[in-house]
Amino acid sequence: MQVLTEQQERTQNFYTHDTTLQQILQDMLSEPFYHYANRELTTFGEHVATVIDARAKVTDREGEPRLQRYNEFGEEVSQVIVNEGYKNTVKETYETGIVGYVHKKIPELNQKGNYVYSFAQGYILAQAEPGFYCPVTLTMATAYLLDHFADEDVKQRFLPHVAATGEVELFEGATFLTERQGGSDVGANIVRAVKDGEHYRLFGEKYFASNAGMCGVAMVLARMEDAPGGSKGLTLFAVPWKREDGTLNGITIRRLKDKLGVRAVPSGEVVFDGAQAFVVGDPSKGIYYMLEALNLSRICNAAASLGIMKRALDEATTYATARHAFGHRLLDYPMVQQTIGTLKAKHHASLVTLFDLVQLYDDVSSGRVGREQQLIVRLLIALVKKETAEQAIHFAHEAIEIHGGNGYIEDFVTPRLLRDAQVLTVWEGTANILAHELIRIIKQDGHQLLLALLEQRLAPLQGAEVQFVKERLQEITTQLEQFTKLPAAVQTLEAKGLMKKLSDLYESVVVLEHADKHGKREQQLAQIYIQLTWKTIAFGEVPLAVQYS
């Protein structure tokens, strides 16, 4: 009983005890915006940690979405039924402006929000419900596509609903890419778009369509008649789920997928049989538009990973603090101190790095920067997505280890964290797909732009750790030069290892900058991180994670 009580006390608010997040927001937001965000996130952090977290457990264990294909008259309705708690979470979350305030003004501030604030909300939400953060991610991507690329008629038809915060009917979004024969090979897609007056009708199926039945509008890649083969022949369409009279828009759901985790999001096989569709932007640029949205979704994926990492860390810390074994608290043992200390340092470094990337992405999405900055951000997105997804699994594993046998029991949150974390390495691009992204960017000299930026950011910093990281930067620069001369097949074998080194380098630079700006706590976390990441500790030496515990 003592353990459960202390867990409840520690996790009663996912925002107020997150010092690193509060520092990030204070650094990145204007003073009025920070005060607004601080107040709203305090409220949201408590609600997520208590009410939404309780609903998430119900959804995962006994209340997952289910498909009703037919009504009482035998008519196809393809209705996805979700529990009442999930419905309330949908309403409450979108009304915070997690999507909407990126695209319209926050009334109290009379200014638009930004992705820094939105991803702070998403990171907090994912600590309880990464499964529901998937539909939020899809809605964010849908809003991005409509706002940036749709003509005025299509934008006005859908965007006010996708960006709704309670004033009009909400349309959740979706992005349907995957087809049975293609998977990650989107160029193999065969869903057809047939001209019908001013609009089009879609025919075919999408094999892994998340938020099916819950979305109000889906962004779908399809191939017009006489369009060329491959990815360049794909056009982006906005497809409403229902017609204006409330009937299905030529869309049915064959079945919902029985997934390992993230059970809150209904993922299904969707069939289009004459669904009315509206062209978004230039018909020849569909794949380009969708890849732009994919970059945003990859950042969301990283935010979800950080949320799982934070929850796993908090659960492990609380349990180790309260649990006694052999006459001592678990946290009194050096091995446990080392585990908790290194997890804290890694989470801290990953969080400040995520928001460093988000701030850069805000500049890209608003059009304030040129091609070189865009290329750097593309590379950083791939690095951060891969690293955080893999770390989410590691953190969930370590939390289970700290709990021992209890960590494997579904009464605790730890099994769900591990199940939910596993999909994040797959969604929005596996490590292999991201490695090919690295290779493409290196061919455009994007790595040189990134290395120059990191060298520039290290220049004003001082200290032994800074000098050490500068030396690692030079080593990686040499390796990348060698990489460009390797045969193409060998590059694919080395790419993932280089991604790890580059992500470690990026995190090292950002965590050292953050430490330089803040105090002793941040400096110690940076020192632990450098020692952990680059394995600078000598055999028999007591780790800094234990010394600083």
Protein backbone atom coordinates (compact mmCIF):
# COMPACT_ATOMS: atom_id res chain seq x y z
CA MET A 1 0.00 0.00 0.00
CA GLN A 2 2.89 2.35 0.75
CA VAL A 3 4.29 1.92 -2.76
CA LEU A 4 0.98 2.69 -4.45
CA THR A 5 0.41 5.75 -2.27
CA GLU A 6 3.83 7.21 -3.06
CA GLN A 7 3.40 6.48 -6.76
CA GLN A 8 0.12 8.37 -6.71
CA GLU A 9 1.73 11.31 -4.92
CA ARG A 10 4.63 11.49 -7.35
CA THR A 11 2.50 11.17 -10.48
CA GLN A 12 -0.37 13.46 -9.55
CA ASN A 13 0.85 16.10 -12.01
CA PHE A 14 3.04 15.35 -15.03
CA TYR A 15 4.06 19.00 -15.45
CA THR A 16 4.77 20.58 -12.09
CA HIS A 17 7.64 18.23 -11.17
CA ASP A 18 9.26 18.39 -14.62
CA THR A 19 11.98 20.97 -14.03
CA THR A 20 13.61 20.45 -17.41
CA LEU A 21 10.40 21.07 -19.35
CA GLN A 22 9.70 24.23 -17.37
CA GLN A 23 13.21 25.52 -18.12
CA ILE A 24 12.78 24.79 -21.81
CA LEU A 25 9.50 26.69 -22.03
CA GLN A 26 10.88 29.65 -20.10
CA ASP A 27 13.86 29.78 -22.48
CA MET A 28 11.83 29.42 -25.68
CA LEU A 29 8.58 31.31 -25.11
CA SER A 30 7.96 35.02 -24.66
CA GLU A 31 7.14 36.05 -21.10
CA PRO A 32 3.35 36.40 -21.66
CA PHE A 33 3.24 33.13 -23.59
CA TYR A 34 5.26 31.32 -20.90
CA HIS A 35 2.93 32.48 -18.12
CA TYR A 36 -0.06 31.32 -20.16
CA ALA A 37 1.57 27.97 -20.98
CA ASN A 38 2.73 27.43 -17.40
CA ARG A 39 -0.80 27.92 -16.08
CA GLU A 40 -2.48 25.78 -18.75
CA LEU A 41 0.06 22.97 -18.53
CA THR A 42 -0.26 22.87 -14.74
CA THR A 43 -3.97 22.18 -15.19
CA PHE A 44 -3.43 19.80 -18.09
CA GLY A 45 -0.59 17.98 -16.33
CA GLU A 46 -2.82 17.17 -13.36
CA HIS A 47 -5.72 16.09 -15.56
CA VAL A 48 -3.53 13.78 -17.66
CA ALA A 49 -1.86 12.25 -14.61
CA THR A 50 -5.17 11.45 -12.92
CA VAL A 51 -8.32 11.36 -15.04
CA ILE A 52 -6.84 10.63 -18.49
CA ASP A 53 -4.40 8.10 -17.06
CA ALA A 54 -7.25 6.20 -15.40
CA ARG A 55 -9.19 6.19 -18.67
CA ALA A 56 -6.11 4.99 -20.56
CA LYS A 57 -5.89 1.89 -18.38
CA VAL A 58 -9.54 1.07 -19.03
CA THR A 59 -9.13 1.54 -22.78
CA ASP A 60 -6.04 -0.65 -22.89
CA ARG A 61 -7.40 -3.49 -20.78
CA GLU A 62 -11.11 -3.70 -21.56
CA GLY A 63 -12.37 -0.72 -23.53
CA GLU A 64 -10.43 -0.72 -26.80
CA PRO A 65 -12.21 0.44 -29.98
CA ARG A 66 -14.41 -2.11 -31.73
CA LEU A 67 -15.92 -2.20 -35.19
CA GLN A 68 -19.65 -2.40 -35.88
CA ARG A 69 -19.88 -3.11 -39.59
CA TYR A 70 -23.67 -3.30 -39.96
CA ASN A 71 -26.69 -1.73 -38.30
CA GLU A 72 -29.88 -3.51 -37.27
CA PHE A 73 -31.18 -3.37 -40.86
CA GLY A 74 -28.08 -5.02 -42.28
CA GLU A 75 -26.80 -1.78 -43.78
CA GLU A 76 -23.05 -1.14 -43.90
CA VAL A 77 -22.16 1.54 -41.33
CA SER A 78 -18.48 0.77 -40.55
CA GLN A 79 -18.83 2.50 -37.19
CA VAL A 80 -15.96 2.45 -34.73
CA ILE A 81 -17.26 2.41 -31.17
CA VAL A 82 -15.09 3.82 -28.40
CA ASN A 83 -15.75 4.00 -24.68
CA GLU A 84 -17.14 7.13 -23.01
CA GLY A 85 -13.89 7.94 -21.24
CA TYR A 86 -12.05 7.95 -24.57
CA LYS A 87 -14.67 10.30 -26.03
CA ASN A 88 -14.14 12.67 -23.13
CA THR A 89 -10.37 12.54 -23.58
CA VAL A 90 -10.82 13.45 -27.26
CA LYS A 91 -12.97 16.46 -26.41
CA GLU A 92 -10.85 17.72 -23.53
CA THR A 93 -7.52 17.33 -25.32
CA TYR A 94 -8.43 19.06 -28.57
CA GLU A 95 -10.07 21.91 -26.68
CA THR A 96 -6.68 22.73 -25.11
CA GLY A 97 -5.56 23.81 -28.59
CA ILE A 98 -2.97 21.05 -28.96
CA VAL A 99 -3.67 21.16 -32.71
CA GLY A 100 -5.78 24.27 -33.23
CA TYR A 101 -3.53 26.91 -31.70
CA VAL A 102 -0.73 26.14 -34.13
CA HIS A 103 -3.04 27.41 -36.88
CA LYS A 104 -5.10 30.13 -35.19
CA LYS A 105 -4.80 32.69 -32.43
CA ILE A 106 -4.95 31.87 -28.75
CA PRO A 107 -7.78 34.23 -27.69
CA GLU A 108 -6.20 35.23 -24.39
CA LEU A 109 -2.86 36.13 -26.03
CA ASN A 110 -4.25 37.36 -29.37
CA GLN A 111 -1.46 35.47 -31.15
CA LYS A 112 -0.95 32.08 -32.73
CA GLY A 113 0.60 29.35 -30.68
CA ASN A 114 3.56 27.34 -31.93
CA TYR A 115 4.93 23.84 -32.07
CA VAL A 116 6.98 24.32 -28.90
CA TYR A 117 3.78 24.69 -26.88
CA SER A 118 1.95 21.98 -28.83
CA PHE A 119 4.73 19.44 -28.32
CA ALA A 120 4.90 20.27 -24.62
CA GLN A 121 1.23 19.28 -24.44
CA GLY A 122 1.86 16.15 -26.50
CA TYR A 123 4.81 15.06 -24.38
CA ILE A 124 2.67 15.37 -21.23
CA LEU A 125 -0.26 13.56 -22.85
CA ALA A 126 1.95 10.67 -23.99
CA GLN A 127 2.97 9.94 -20.40
CA ALA A 128 -0.53 8.58 -19.89
CA GLU A 129 -1.86 7.84 -23.36
CA PRO A 130 0.62 7.50 -26.23
CA GLY A 131 -2.10 5.55 -28.04
CA PHE A 132 -4.37 8.59 -28.17
CA TYR A 133 -1.45 10.86 -29.06
CA CYS A 134 -1.37 8.99 -32.39
CA PRO A 135 -4.74 10.43 -33.54
CA VAL A 136 -3.57 13.84 -32.29
CA THR A 137 -0.45 13.40 -34.41
CA LEU A 138 -2.53 12.50 -37.46
CA THR A 139 -4.74 15.52 -36.87
CA MET A 140 -1.66 17.75 -36.60
CA ALA A 141 -0.37 16.36 -39.91
CA THR A 142 -3.76 16.86 -41.56
CA ALA A 143 -3.94 20.46 -40.36
CA TYR A 144 -0.40 21.08 -41.62
CA LEU A 145 -1.21 19.74 -45.09
CA LEU A 146 -4.43 21.75 -45.38
CA ASP A 147 -2.88 24.95 -44.08
CA HIS A 148 0.27 24.81 -46.21
CA PHE A 149 -0.86 23.26 -49.49
CA ALA A 150 -4.65 23.22 -50.00
CA ASP A 151 -6.38 25.86 -52.12
CA GLU A 152 -8.68 28.26 -50.32
CA ASP A 153 -11.89 26.34 -51.02
CA VAL A 154 -10.56 23.03 -49.67
CA LYS A 155 -8.85 24.76 -46.75
CA GLN A 156 -12.04 26.53 -45.68
CA ARG A 157 -14.07 23.34 -46.07
CA PHE A 158 -11.92 21.33 -43.66
CA LEU A 159 -9.30 23.29 -41.68
CA PRO A 160 -11.66 25.10 -39.27
CA HIS A 161 -12.98 21.68 -38.20
CA VAL A 162 -9.56 20.03 -37.98
CA ALA A 163 -8.29 22.98 -35.90
CA ALA A 164 -11.47 23.16 -33.78
CA THR A 165 -11.18 23.96 -30.09
CA GLY A 166 -14.86 23.66 -29.22
CA GLU A 167 -16.44 26.38 -31.33
CA VAL A 168 -17.34 24.12 -34.31
CA GLU A 169 -17.61 20.38 -34.90
CA LEU A 170 -14.24 18.65 -34.58
CA PHE A 171 -12.86 16.65 -37.50
CA GLU A 172 -10.01 14.48 -36.31
CA GLY A 173 -7.51 13.80 -39.08
CA ALA A 174 -5.76 10.83 -40.60
CA THR A 175 -3.04 10.16 -43.16
CA PHE A 176 -3.56 6.97 -45.16
CA LEU A 177 -0.42 5.82 -46.98
CA THR A 178 0.15 2.10 -46.48
CA GLU A 179 -1.17 -0.40 -49.01
CA ARG A 180 -0.89 -4.17 -48.85
CA GLN A 181 1.52 -4.55 -51.76
CA GLY A 182 3.72 -1.57 -50.88
CA GLY A 183 4.25 -0.99 -47.16
CA SER A 184 7.10 1.50 -46.93
CA ASP A 185 7.37 1.41 -50.73
CA VAL A 186 4.73 4.10 -51.23
CA GLY A 187 5.58 4.31 -54.93
CA ALA A 188 3.90 0.92 -55.38
CA ASN A 189 0.52 2.34 -54.31
CA ILE A 190 -2.38 1.59 -56.65
CA VAL A 191 -5.46 3.29 -55.12
CA ARG A 192 -7.13 4.95 -58.12
CA ALA A 193 -8.55 8.46 -58.45
CA VAL A 194 -11.22 8.76 -61.16
CA LYS A 195 -12.38 12.17 -62.38
CA ASP A 196 -16.01 12.98 -61.52
CA GLY A 197 -17.01 16.53 -62.44
CA GLU A 198 -15.00 19.03 -60.42
CA HIS A 199 -13.80 16.37 -57.99
CA TYR A 200 -12.58 12.76 -57.93
CA ARG A 201 -13.73 9.36 -56.71
CA LEU A 202 -11.29 6.97 -55.04
CA PHE A 203 -11.23 3.20 -55.54
CA GLY A 204 -8.98 0.70 -53.74
CA GLU A 205 -7.81 -0.01 -50.21
CA LYS A 206 -5.39 1.17 -47.56
CA TYR A 207 -4.05 -1.69 -45.50
CA PHE A 208 -2.96 0.07 -42.29
CA ALA A 209 -5.12 3.12 -41.71
CA SER A 210 -4.90 4.57 -38.20
CA ASN A 211 -7.78 6.58 -36.74
CA ALA A 212 -10.11 4.83 -39.15
CA GLY A 213 -13.73 5.53 -38.29
CA MET A 214 -12.82 8.32 -35.88
CA CYS A 215 -11.43 10.82 -38.38
CA GLY A 216 -13.62 13.44 -40.00
CA VAL A 217 -11.25 13.83 -42.94
CA ALA A 218 -8.36 11.69 -44.17
CA MET A 219 -5.40 12.76 -46.30
CA VAL A 220 -4.96 10.03 -48.90
CA LEU A 221 -2.41 9.41 -51.64
CA ALA A 222 -3.96 8.05 -54.84
CA ARG A 223 -3.03 7.76 -58.50
CA MET A 224 -4.96 9.63 -61.16
CA GLU A 225 -5.73 7.94 -64.45
CA ASP A 226 -2.78 8.22 -66.88
CA ALA A 227 -0.48 9.39 -64.06
CA PRO A 228 3.08 8.03 -64.21
CA GLY A 229 4.14 5.07 -62.08
CA GLY A 230 6.17 5.37 -58.90
CA SER A 231 5.83 7.88 -56.10
CA LYS A 232 5.90 10.89 -58.43
CA GLY A 233 2.58 9.83 -59.92
CA LEU A 234 0.71 10.16 -56.63
CA THR A 235 -1.70 12.99 -55.83
CA LEU A 236 -2.80 14.07 -52.36
CA PHE A 237 -6.54 14.13 -51.66
CA ALA A 238 -8.66 15.29 -48.73
CA VAL A 239 -11.35 12.65 -48.24
CA PRO A 240 -14.24 13.34 -45.84
CA TRP A 241 -15.32 10.25 -43.91
CA LYS A 242 -18.99 11.10 -44.32
CA ARG A 243 -21.10 12.98 -46.82
CA GLU A 244 -22.95 16.13 -45.76
CA ASP A 245 -26.09 14.05 -45.13
CA GLY A 246 -24.20 11.94 -42.56
CA THR A 247 -23.91 8.76 -44.66
CA LEU A 248 -20.59 7.04 -45.35
CA ASN A 249 -18.62 8.62 -48.18
CA GLY A 250 -18.03 5.41 -50.12
CA ILE A 251 -15.70 4.17 -47.36
CA THR A 252 -15.88 0.94 -45.40
CA ILE A 253 -13.67 -0.69 -42.80
CA ARG A 254 -12.93 -4.36 -43.46
CA ARG A 255 -11.53 -4.98 -39.99
CA LEU A 256 -9.59 -3.36 -37.14
CA LYS A 257 -6.05 -4.54 -36.44
CA ASP A 258 -5.39 -6.50 -33.23
CA LYS A 259 -2.26 -4.65 -32.11
CA LEU A 260 0.34 -5.39 -29.43
CA GLY A 261 -0.03 -1.93 -27.89
CA VAL A 262 -1.38 1.60 -28.43
CA ARG A 263 -4.82 0.02 -28.39
CA ALA A 264 -6.55 3.36 -28.00
CA VAL A 265 -6.10 4.17 -31.68
CA PRO A 266 -8.30 2.22 -34.11
CA SER A 267 -6.09 1.01 -36.97
CA GLY A 268 -7.89 -0.75 -39.75
CA GLU A 269 -8.11 -1.90 -43.35
CA VAL A 270 -10.07 0.75 -45.24
CA VAL A 271 -11.77 0.21 -48.62
CA PHE A 272 -12.67 3.11 -50.94
CA ASP A 273 -15.54 2.45 -53.36
CA GLY A 274 -16.20 5.77 -55.09
CA ALA A 275 -15.30 8.00 -52.11
CA GLN A 276 -15.54 11.68 -53.03
CA ALA A 277 -12.11 13.28 -52.79
CA PHE A 278 -10.73 16.81 -53.10
CA VAL A 279 -7.32 17.48 -54.66
CA VAL A 280 -4.87 19.16 -52.28
CA GLY A 281 -2.38 21.48 -53.98
CA ASP A 282 -0.47 20.59 -57.13
CA PRO A 283 -1.58 17.11 -58.34
CA SER A 284 2.03 16.25 -59.22
CA LYS A 285 3.38 16.96 -55.73
CA GLY A 286 1.38 14.55 -53.58
CA ILE A 287 4.36 12.55 -52.37
CA TYR A 288 6.29 15.75 -51.59
CA TYR A 289 3.40 17.07 -49.49
CA MET A 290 3.01 13.81 -47.60
CA LEU A 291 6.73 13.60 -46.86
CA GLU A 292 6.53 17.09 -45.38
CA ALA A 293 3.74 15.89 -43.09
CA LEU A 294 5.78 12.77 -42.30
CA ASN A 295 8.55 14.95 -40.89
CA LEU A 296 6.06 16.54 -38.51
CA SER A 297 4.73 13.10 -37.54
CA ARG A 298 8.26 11.92 -36.81
CA ILE A 299 8.69 14.74 -34.30
CA CYS A 300 5.38 13.70 -32.73
CA ASN A 301 6.74 10.16 -32.58
CA ALA A 302 9.77 11.46 -30.67
CA ALA A 303 7.52 13.40 -28.27
CA ALA A 304 5.55 10.21 -27.59
CA SER A 305 8.81 8.35 -26.97
CA LEU A 306 9.95 11.03 -24.51
CA GLY A 307 6.61 10.77 -22.75
CA ILE A 308 7.06 7.02 -22.27
CA MET A 309 10.65 7.57 -21.14
CA LYS A 310 9.53 10.09 -18.52
CA ARG A 311 6.72 7.90 -17.22
CA ALA A 312 9.04 4.89 -17.00
CA LEU A 313 11.63 6.96 -15.17
CA ASP A 314 9.09 8.32 -12.70
CA GLU A 315 7.61 4.90 -12.03
CA ALA A 316 11.06 3.38 -11.48
CA THR A 317 12.17 6.23 -9.20
CA THR A 318 9.02 6.10 -7.10
CA TYR A 319 9.17 2.35 -6.73
CA ALA A 320 12.88 2.32 -5.88
CA THR A 321 12.34 5.05 -3.30
CA ALA A 322 9.49 3.29 -1.52
CA ARG A 323 10.34 -0.38 -1.91
CA HIS A 324 12.51 -2.05 0.76
CA ALA A 325 14.57 -5.21 0.25
CA PHE A 326 17.10 -6.80 2.61
CA GLY A 327 16.63 -3.99 5.13
CA HIS A 328 17.24 -1.08 2.74
CA ARG A 329 15.39 0.96 0.15
CA LEU A 330 16.13 -0.14 -3.41
CA LEU A 331 17.40 3.37 -4.08
CA ASP A 332 20.12 2.92 -1.43
CA TYR A 333 21.88 0.29 -3.56
CA PRO A 334 24.59 1.63 -5.92
CA MET A 335 23.41 -0.46 -8.89
CA VAL A 336 19.92 1.04 -8.61
CA GLN A 337 21.37 4.52 -8.10
CA GLN A 338 23.37 4.07 -11.29
CA THR A 339 20.32 2.94 -13.26
CA ILE A 340 18.09 5.77 -12.05
CA GLY A 341 20.85 8.37 -12.41
CA THR A 342 21.71 7.42 -15.98
CA LEU A 343 18.05 7.32 -16.98
CA LYS A 344 17.56 10.81 -15.55
CA ALA A 345 20.55 12.16 -17.45
CA LYS A 346 19.56 10.53 -20.72
CA HIS A 347 15.95 11.71 -20.44
CA HIS A 348 17.09 15.24 -19.62
CA ALA A 349 19.45 15.35 -22.61
CA SER A 350 16.86 13.86 -24.96
CA LEU A 351 14.17 16.30 -23.82
CA VAL A 352 16.25 19.45 -24.29
CA THR A 353 17.36 18.06 -27.67
CA LEU A 354 13.80 17.35 -28.79
CA PHE A 355 12.74 20.91 -28.06
CA ASP A 356 15.87 22.32 -29.66
CA LEU A 357 14.72 20.49 -32.79
CA VAL A 358 11.12 21.67 -32.35
CA GLN A 359 12.26 25.28 -32.18
CA LEU A 360 14.24 24.80 -35.39
CA TYR A 361 11.21 23.13 -36.97
CA ASP A 362 9.00 26.07 -36.00
CA ASP A 363 11.26 28.26 -38.15
CA VAL A 364 11.10 25.80 -41.06
CA SER A 365 7.31 25.35 -40.95
CA SER A 366 6.76 29.11 -40.90
CA GLY A 367 9.00 29.62 -43.94
CA ARG A 368 11.52 31.78 -42.10
CA VAL A 369 14.59 29.81 -43.24
CA GLY A 370 16.12 28.61 -46.49
CA ARG A 371 17.08 25.28 -48.05
CA GLU A 372 20.20 24.68 -45.95
CA GLN A 373 18.34 25.00 -42.66
CA GLN A 374 15.56 22.79 -44.00
CA LEU A 375 18.10 20.11 -44.88
CA ILE A 376 19.64 20.25 -41.39
CA VAL A 377 16.22 19.89 -39.79
CA ARG A 378 15.34 16.92 -42.00
CA LEU A 379 18.51 15.18 -40.87
CA LEU A 380 17.93 16.01 -37.20
CA ILE A 381 14.36 14.71 -37.38
CA ALA A 382 15.58 11.35 -38.63
CA LEU A 383 18.27 11.16 -35.92
CA VAL A 384 15.98 12.15 -33.05
CA LYS A 385 13.11 9.93 -34.15
CA LYS A 386 15.33 6.85 -34.32
CA GLU A 387 17.15 7.47 -31.04
CA THR A 388 14.12 8.35 -28.90
CA ALA A 389 12.06 5.41 -30.18
CA GLU A 390 14.80 2.95 -29.27
CA GLN A 391 15.30 4.61 -25.90
CA ALA A 392 11.60 4.40 -25.07
CA ILE A 393 11.87 0.61 -25.23
CA HIS A 394 15.04 0.68 -23.13
CA PHE A 395 13.47 2.91 -20.45
CA ALA A 396 10.37 0.71 -20.24
CA HIS A 397 12.60 -2.35 -19.91
CA GLU A 398 14.63 -0.74 -17.10
CA ALA A 399 11.47 0.28 -15.24
CA ILE A 400 10.26 -3.32 -15.35
CA GLU A 401 13.64 -4.49 -14.04
CA ILE A 402 13.43 -2.07 -11.09
CA HIS A 403 9.94 -3.34 -10.25
CA GLY A 404 11.02 -6.97 -10.49
CA GLY A 405 8.10 -9.37 -10.80
CA ASN A 406 5.61 -6.56 -10.18
CA GLY A 407 6.87 -4.84 -13.32
CA TYR A 408 5.50 -7.70 -15.41
CA ILE A 409 2.02 -7.53 -13.88
CA GLU A 410 -0.69 -5.58 -15.70
CA ASP A 411 -1.86 -4.00 -12.43
CA PHE A 412 1.17 -1.74 -12.90
CA VAL A 413 1.64 0.61 -15.85
CA THR A 414 5.04 -0.79 -16.84
CA PRO A 415 3.83 -3.59 -19.17
CA ARG A 416 1.71 -1.09 -21.10
CA LEU A 417 4.66 1.26 -21.42
CA LEU A 418 6.72 -1.50 -23.01
CA ARG A 419 3.92 -2.56 -25.36
CA ASP A 420 3.20 1.02 -26.41
CA ALA A 421 6.89 1.85 -26.84
CA GLN A 422 7.54 -0.99 -29.26
CA VAL A 423 5.49 0.50 -32.08
CA LEU A 424 7.37 3.80 -32.03
CA THR A 425 10.38 2.19 -33.71
CA VAL A 426 8.06 1.21 -36.59
CA TRP A 427 5.62 4.10 -37.02
CA GLU A 428 6.76 6.93 -39.30
CA GLY A 429 9.73 4.93 -40.59
CA THR A 430 11.80 2.06 -39.22
CA ALA A 431 15.50 2.43 -38.47
CA ASN A 432 16.30 1.03 -41.92
CA ILE A 433 14.08 3.62 -43.62
CA LEU A 434 15.63 6.41 -41.53
CA ALA A 435 19.11 5.17 -42.44
CA HIS A 436 18.26 5.61 -46.11
CA GLU A 437 17.13 9.14 -45.27
CA LEU A 438 20.59 9.76 -43.82
CA ILE A 439 22.21 8.50 -47.02
CA ARG A 440 20.03 10.75 -49.18
CA ILE A 441 20.85 13.81 -47.08
CA ILE A 442 24.58 13.04 -47.09
CA LYS A 443 24.44 12.99 -50.90
CA GLN A 444 23.16 16.59 -50.64
CA ASP A 445 25.98 17.52 -48.21
CA GLY A 446 23.48 17.95 -45.37
CA HIS A 447 25.90 16.32 -42.92
CA GLN A 448 28.46 19.03 -43.59
CA LEU A 449 25.88 21.71 -42.82
CA LEU A 450 24.98 19.97 -39.55
CA LEU A 451 28.58 19.48 -38.44
CA ALA A 452 29.37 23.12 -39.15
CA LEU A 453 26.37 24.19 -37.08
CA LEU A 454 27.35 21.99 -34.14
CA GLU A 455 30.94 23.24 -34.28
CA GLN A 456 29.66 26.81 -34.25
CA ARG A 457 27.44 26.12 -31.23
CA LEU A 458 30.27 24.48 -29.31
CA ALA A 459 32.69 27.37 -29.92
CA PRO A 460 31.56 29.71 -27.08
CA LEU A 461 31.34 26.92 -24.47
CA GLN A 462 34.10 26.05 -22.00
CA GLY A 463 35.11 23.03 -19.94
CA ALA A 464 36.60 19.56 -20.14
CA GLU A 465 33.37 17.99 -21.42
CA VAL A 466 33.15 20.61 -24.17
CA GLN A 467 36.69 19.88 -25.32
CA PHE A 468 35.95 16.17 -25.27
CA VAL A 469 32.85 16.63 -27.47
CA LYS A 470 34.82 18.83 -29.89
CA GLU A 471 37.26 15.93 -30.35
CA ARG A 472 34.37 13.53 -30.99
CA LEU A 473 33.01 15.94 -33.58
CA GLN A 474 36.30 15.82 -35.47
CA GLU A 475 36.35 12.02 -35.34
CA ILE A 476 32.82 11.80 -36.71
CA THR A 477 33.65 14.32 -39.41
CA THR A 478 36.47 12.06 -40.59
CA GLN A 479 34.20 8.99 -40.53
CA LEU A 480 31.55 10.78 -42.59
CA GLU A 481 34.15 11.75 -45.17
CA GLN A 482 35.14 8.08 -45.42
CA PHE A 483 31.45 7.10 -45.58
CA THR A 484 30.87 9.17 -48.72
CA LYS A 485 33.50 7.10 -50.57
CA LEU A 486 32.06 3.69 -49.69
CA PRO A 487 30.10 1.57 -52.17
CA ALA A 488 26.35 2.10 -51.91
CA ALA A 489 25.69 -1.33 -50.41
CA VAL A 490 28.33 -0.83 -47.72
CA GLN A 491 26.87 2.58 -46.88
CA THR A 492 23.60 0.91 -45.97
CA LEU A 493 25.48 -1.34 -43.54
CA GLU A 494 27.21 1.57 -41.81
CA ALA A 495 24.39 4.11 -41.86
CA LYS A 496 22.60 3.13 -38.63
CA GLY A 497 25.85 3.17 -36.65
CA LEU A 498 26.60 6.65 -37.96
CA MET A 499 23.11 7.80 -37.04
CA LYS A 500 23.73 6.77 -33.44
CA LYS A 501 27.01 8.70 -33.34
CA LEU A 502 25.43 11.78 -34.88
CA SER A 503 22.46 11.71 -32.49
CA ASP A 504 24.82 11.33 -29.53
CA LEU A 505 26.84 14.27 -30.82
CA TYR A 506 23.75 16.45 -31.26
CA GLU A 507 22.45 15.59 -27.79
CA SER A 508 25.88 16.30 -26.30
CA VAL A 509 26.03 19.78 -27.82
CA VAL A 510 22.51 20.70 -26.73
CA VAL A 511 22.85 19.34 -23.18
CA LEU A 512 26.12 21.27 -22.73
CA GLU A 513 24.48 24.47 -23.97
CA HIS A 514 21.60 23.94 -21.56
CA ALA A 515 24.01 23.33 -18.67
CA ASP A 516 25.91 26.51 -19.52
CA LYS A 517 22.68 28.49 -19.30
CA HIS A 518 21.36 26.94 -16.08
CA GLY A 519 22.71 25.68 -12.76
CA LYS A 520 24.46 22.92 -10.86
CA ARG A 521 21.74 20.32 -11.44
CA GLU A 522 21.95 20.78 -15.20
CA GLN A 523 25.75 20.69 -15.16
CA GLN A 524 25.76 17.42 -13.23
CA LEU A 525 23.19 15.88 -15.58
CA ALA A 526 25.34 16.92 -18.55
CA GLN A 527 28.43 15.37 -16.97
CA ILE A 528 26.59 12.10 -16.28
CA TYR A 529 25.27 12.11 -19.83
CA ILE A 530 28.71 12.61 -21.39
CA GLN A 531 30.23 9.86 -19.24
CA LEU A 532 27.36 7.48 -20.02
CA THR A 533 27.15 8.18 -23.74
CA TRP A 534 30.81 8.22 -24.64
CA LYS A 535 31.88 5.58 -22.05
CA THR A 536 34.64 7.69 -20.51
CA ILE A 537 34.62 5.94 -17.13
CA ALA A 538 37.61 3.82 -16.13
CA PHE A 539 37.23 0.30 -14.80
CA GLY A 540 36.62 0.39 -11.04
CA GLU A 541 35.71 4.09 -10.99
CA VAL A 542 32.46 5.06 -9.24
CA PRO A 543 30.10 6.48 -11.92
CA LEU A 544 28.98 10.08 -11.63
CA ALA A 545 25.39 8.84 -11.61
CA VAL A 546 26.14 7.23 -8.23
CA GLN A 547 28.33 10.06 -6.91
CA TYR A 548 25.61 12.64 -7.61
CA SER A 549 22.70 10.51 -6.34
